C-alpha cells in the first residue's frame, strides 16, 4: 500500500468484538506445535470463513519426499464446524475431530482422546503471547504485526531460543 493511501480497519485486520478493538490470529500448526501458517482477521469475523484458505496454505516438511500439503487429521474447535467444511475435508481425505455445536442436527461420532490434542495449538498461542508486542498488538499495520508473529515463531522454534 502506498503511503498516501488511507487504509481501512478491515484491511489492517482490526475489528470490534466483545472486548473492544481486536484481531484474530487463525493458526495452523503441526503435531509438535510448530507454526505452519497463520491468517489475521478482524475480531468480529467468523472462524469458519477462512478455514479452507488456512488449509490450502503451508506444508509440512518430511525427511523423505515432497513436503506434505494436507494433514492426515485435523483437530479443531467448534468455531470451525460446518457441514460444508466437513465435506471439504472428506473430499481431500483428511480425517477430522471437530465437536458439533448444540444446534447442529446431524451429530456424528466424536473422540475426546483425539480432541485433547488441540491443546497443542493453545500452547502455541500461549508461547506467542509471551511476546508483549503480539499479546497487545502495538503495531498499527497488519503486515508489521504478521512480521512480528513470524519472527516470534522463528525465535521460539530455533535452537537459539532454548540456549538463553
Protein backbone atom coordinates (compact mmCIF):
# COMPACT_ATOMS: atom_id res chain seq x y z
CA UNK A 1 0.00 0.00 0.00
CA UNK A 2 1.36 3.42 -0.92
CA UNK A 3 1.92 5.92 1.93
CA UNK A 4 -0.55 8.48 0.56
CA UNK A 5 -3.42 5.96 0.51
CA UNK A 6 -5.60 5.56 3.58
CA UNK A 7 -6.15 2.03 4.79
CA UNK A 8 -9.31 0.74 6.38
CA UNK A 9 -9.64 -1.07 9.67
CA UNK A 10 -10.74 -4.16 7.75
CA UNK A 11 -7.56 -4.09 5.65
CA UNK A 12 -5.45 -3.82 8.81
CA UNK A 13 -7.28 -6.75 10.48
CA UNK A 14 -8.85 -4.58 13.16
CA UNK A 15 -12.42 -5.18 14.23
CA UNK A 16 -14.74 -4.98 17.19
CA UNK A 17 -15.63 -7.91 19.38
CA UNK A 18 -16.87 -8.04 22.96
CA UNK A 19 -13.55 -6.81 24.35
CA UNK A 20 -13.18 -3.85 22.01
CA UNK A 21 -10.85 -3.42 19.05
CA UNK A 22 -9.22 -6.80 18.36
CA UNK A 23 -7.51 -9.00 15.80
CA UNK A 24 -7.96 -12.75 15.43
CA UNK A 25 -4.99 -14.93 14.63
CA UNK A 26 -6.04 -18.14 12.86
CA UNK A 27 -3.23 -20.66 13.31
CA UNK A 28 -2.38 -23.96 11.66
CA UNK A 29 0.37 -25.91 13.36
CA UNK A 30 1.87 -29.36 13.11
CA UNK A 31 1.52 -32.13 15.67
CA UNK A 32 4.52 -31.00 17.71
CA UNK A 33 3.31 -27.41 17.99
CA UNK A 34 5.39 -25.68 15.32
CA UNK A 35 3.65 -22.94 13.40
CA UNK A 36 2.91 -23.82 9.76
CA UNK A 37 0.86 -20.81 8.71
CA UNK A 38 -1.47 -18.17 10.09
CA UNK A 39 -4.02 -15.61 8.93
CA UNK A 40 -5.07 -12.32 10.52
CA UNK A 41 -8.69 -11.19 10.51
CA UNK A 42 -10.75 -8.52 12.27
CA UNK A 43 -12.09 -9.52 15.67
CA UNK A 44 -15.71 -9.85 14.59
CA UNK A 45 -15.04 -12.24 11.68
CA UNK A 46 -16.10 -15.85 12.00
CA UNK A 47 -13.51 -18.63 12.18
CA UNK A 48 -15.16 -20.80 9.54
CA UNK A 49 -14.88 -18.11 6.85
CA UNK A 50 -11.13 -18.71 6.47
CA UNK A 51 -10.92 -22.41 7.30
CA UNK A 52 -10.44 -23.60 3.70
CA UNK A 53 -7.93 -20.85 2.92
CA UNK A 54 -5.95 -21.80 6.03
CA UNK A 55 -5.92 -25.45 4.96
CA UNK A 56 -4.60 -24.57 1.50
CA UNK A 57 -1.58 -22.69 2.88
CA UNK A 58 1.62 -24.15 4.23
CA UNK A 59 3.17 -27.58 4.12
CA UNK A 60 4.90 -29.95 6.49
CA UNK A 61 8.47 -30.85 5.69
CA UNK A 62 9.22 -34.57 5.69
CA UNK A 63 12.57 -36.32 5.85
CA UNK A 64 11.99 -38.11 2.53
CA UNK A 65 9.99 -36.90 -0.46
CA UNK A 66 7.97 -33.79 -1.18
CA UNK A 67 6.52 -31.64 1.60
CA UNK A 68 3.11 -32.82 2.76
CA UNK A 69 0.45 -30.26 1.87
CA UNK A 70 -2.51 -31.91 3.58
CA UNK A 71 -2.59 -33.27 7.10
CA UNK A 72 -3.75 -36.78 7.88
CA UNK A 73 -6.04 -35.46 10.63
CA UNK A 74 -7.39 -32.08 11.63
CA UNK A 75 -8.32 -31.28 15.22
CA UNK A 76 -10.22 -28.01 15.57
CA UNK A 77 -12.60 -26.28 17.94
CA UNK A 78 -16.31 -25.54 17.48
CA UNK A 79 -15.59 -22.36 15.56
CA UNK A 80 -14.54 -24.47 12.58
CA UNK A 81 -17.61 -26.69 12.44
CA UNK A 82 -19.91 -26.64 9.44
CA UNK A 83 -21.28 -29.23 7.04
CA UNK A 84 -19.52 -27.56 4.12
CA UNK A 85 -16.12 -27.63 5.84
CA UNK A 86 -16.55 -31.25 6.90
CA UNK A 87 -17.42 -32.11 3.29
CA UNK A 88 -14.31 -30.19 2.12
CA UNK A 89 -12.15 -32.29 4.47
CA UNK A 90 -13.76 -35.59 3.41
CA UNK A 91 -13.19 -34.84 -0.30
CA UNK A 92 -9.49 -34.38 0.39
CA UNK A 93 -9.15 -37.50 2.53
CA UNK A 94 -8.46 -35.58 5.73
CA UNK A 95 -9.85 -37.15 8.87
CA UNK A 96 -11.17 -34.66 11.39
CA UNK A 97 -12.12 -34.27 15.02
CA UNK A 98 -14.34 -31.23 15.41
CA UNK A 99 -17.05 -31.05 18.10
CA UNK A 100 -20.59 -30.34 16.99
CA UNK A 101 -22.50 -27.31 18.12
CA UNK A 102 -25.63 -27.83 20.18
CA UNK A 103 -27.89 -26.60 17.39
CA UNK A 104 -26.49 -28.99 14.75
CA UNK A 105 -28.94 -31.70 13.75
CA UNK A 106 -26.54 -34.35 12.45
CA UNK A 107 -24.35 -35.47 15.30
CA UNK A 108 -21.62 -37.92 14.39
CA UNK A 109 -19.02 -39.74 16.42
CA UNK A 110 -16.60 -37.68 18.46
CA UNK A 111 -13.36 -38.90 20.04
CA UNK A 112 -12.44 -36.92 23.16
CA UNK A 113 -8.98 -38.51 23.37
CA UNK A 114 -8.02 -37.14 19.97
CA UNK A 115 -9.68 -33.79 20.70
CA UNK A 116 -7.38 -33.31 23.69
CA UNK A 117 -4.51 -32.87 21.25
CA UNK A 118 -5.99 -29.48 20.35
CA UNK A 119 -4.19 -28.07 23.36
CA UNK A 120 -1.05 -28.10 21.19
CA UNK A 121 -2.44 -25.08 19.33
CA UNK A 122 -3.47 -23.42 22.59
CA UNK A 123 0.05 -23.86 23.96
CA UNK A 124 1.49 -22.37 20.76
CA UNK A 125 -0.75 -19.32 21.15
CA UNK A 126 0.34 -19.03 24.77
CA UNK A 127 4.01 -19.10 23.78
CA UNK A 128 3.41 -16.46 21.11
CA UNK A 129 1.61 -14.25 23.62
CA UNK A 130 4.69 -14.27 25.84
CA UNK A 131 5.91 -11.66 23.40
CA UNK A 132 4.23 -8.49 24.63
CA UNK A 133 4.01 -6.88 21.19
CA UNK A 134 1.93 -9.84 19.99
CA UNK A 135 -0.26 -10.08 23.08
CA UNK A 136 -1.20 -6.40 22.99
CA UNK A 137 -0.75 -5.63 19.27
CA UNK A 138 1.18 -2.39 19.37
CA UNK A 139 1.51 -2.45 15.59
CA UNK A 140 -0.86 -0.36 13.51
CA UNK A 141 -0.32 -2.19 10.22
CA UNK A 142 -1.38 -5.81 9.76
CA UNK A 143 1.77 -6.53 7.70
CA UNK A 144 4.00 -5.39 10.57
CA UNK A 145 2.00 -7.44 13.07
CA UNK A 146 2.25 -10.52 10.82
CA UNK A 147 6.01 -9.99 10.57
CA UNK A 148 6.29 -9.94 14.36
CA UNK A 149 4.35 -13.20 14.63
CA UNK A 150 6.68 -14.76 12.07
CA UNK A 151 9.80 -13.52 13.89
CA UNK A 152 8.45 -14.77 17.23
CA UNK A 153 7.67 -18.22 15.82
CA UNK A 154 11.13 -18.47 14.23
CA UNK A 155 12.67 -17.46 17.55
CA UNK A 156 10.57 -19.96 19.51
CA UNK A 157 11.47 -22.92 17.33
CA UNK A 158 15.12 -22.20 16.68
CA UNK A 159 17.93 -23.67 18.75
CA UNK A 160 18.81 -20.17 19.90
CA UNK A 161 15.61 -19.83 21.94
CA UNK A 162 16.49 -22.77 24.16
CA UNK A 163 20.07 -21.71 24.89
CA UNK A 164 19.15 -18.47 26.69
